[in-house]
Amino acid sequence: MLDSGADGRTRTGDLLYSRWGRPVKPIRDASRFVWQVSEPIEVKPVWSRSGGLALVCDKCLNVRFPEDFPEHAGDERLKLREWLKDRLKAEGHWGAVRATGTTCLDVCAVGRVTILIDPVGKGGEQQCLVFDPLEDRELIYQTIVRALAPPLRTEQPA
């Protein structure tokens, strides 16, 4: 017998199915039931197939650099991840290349930001690099694009 609950899940006897038809099972957590998907679902984002990730240490930018150089606290140029994202989008690299923030990478260089470059989609080795976040912005961008971006497609005239 099928019974559709208020949570959108369908029950048949002791089995429970998500609204997407995947089996789920109840997990007892303290005094309540928590419904959990029984298997993880593997996905293949674009950056894992043809590019990679640039992980920008948020602690370097938001805590360490302003502590080392208080005169630069609040400087708009320290919004490096956002700038990289906008630039990658504007130049057609976003998707295959992702710039994302991360917590501390435990590479604390005075006056520097740590960036981990992972060319997962290109099969290369990871690089952990430190840069001056104010003076080296263009170098950071060029290093990320060189390491991660697939060649841009140019349309050939027919």
Foldseek 3Di string as FASTA:
>chain_A
DWDQDPVRWIDDVQWIAHVVGATWHWDDDPPDTDIDGPDDDDDQFLLLAAFWEKEWAPCVLQPQQCVLPVVCHPPPLSVLQVVLQVVCVVVVQPRNYHYYYDHDPPPHDHQWIWIWIDQNNVPDDIDIDIDRSPPCSVVVNVVRCVRTGDDDDDDDDD
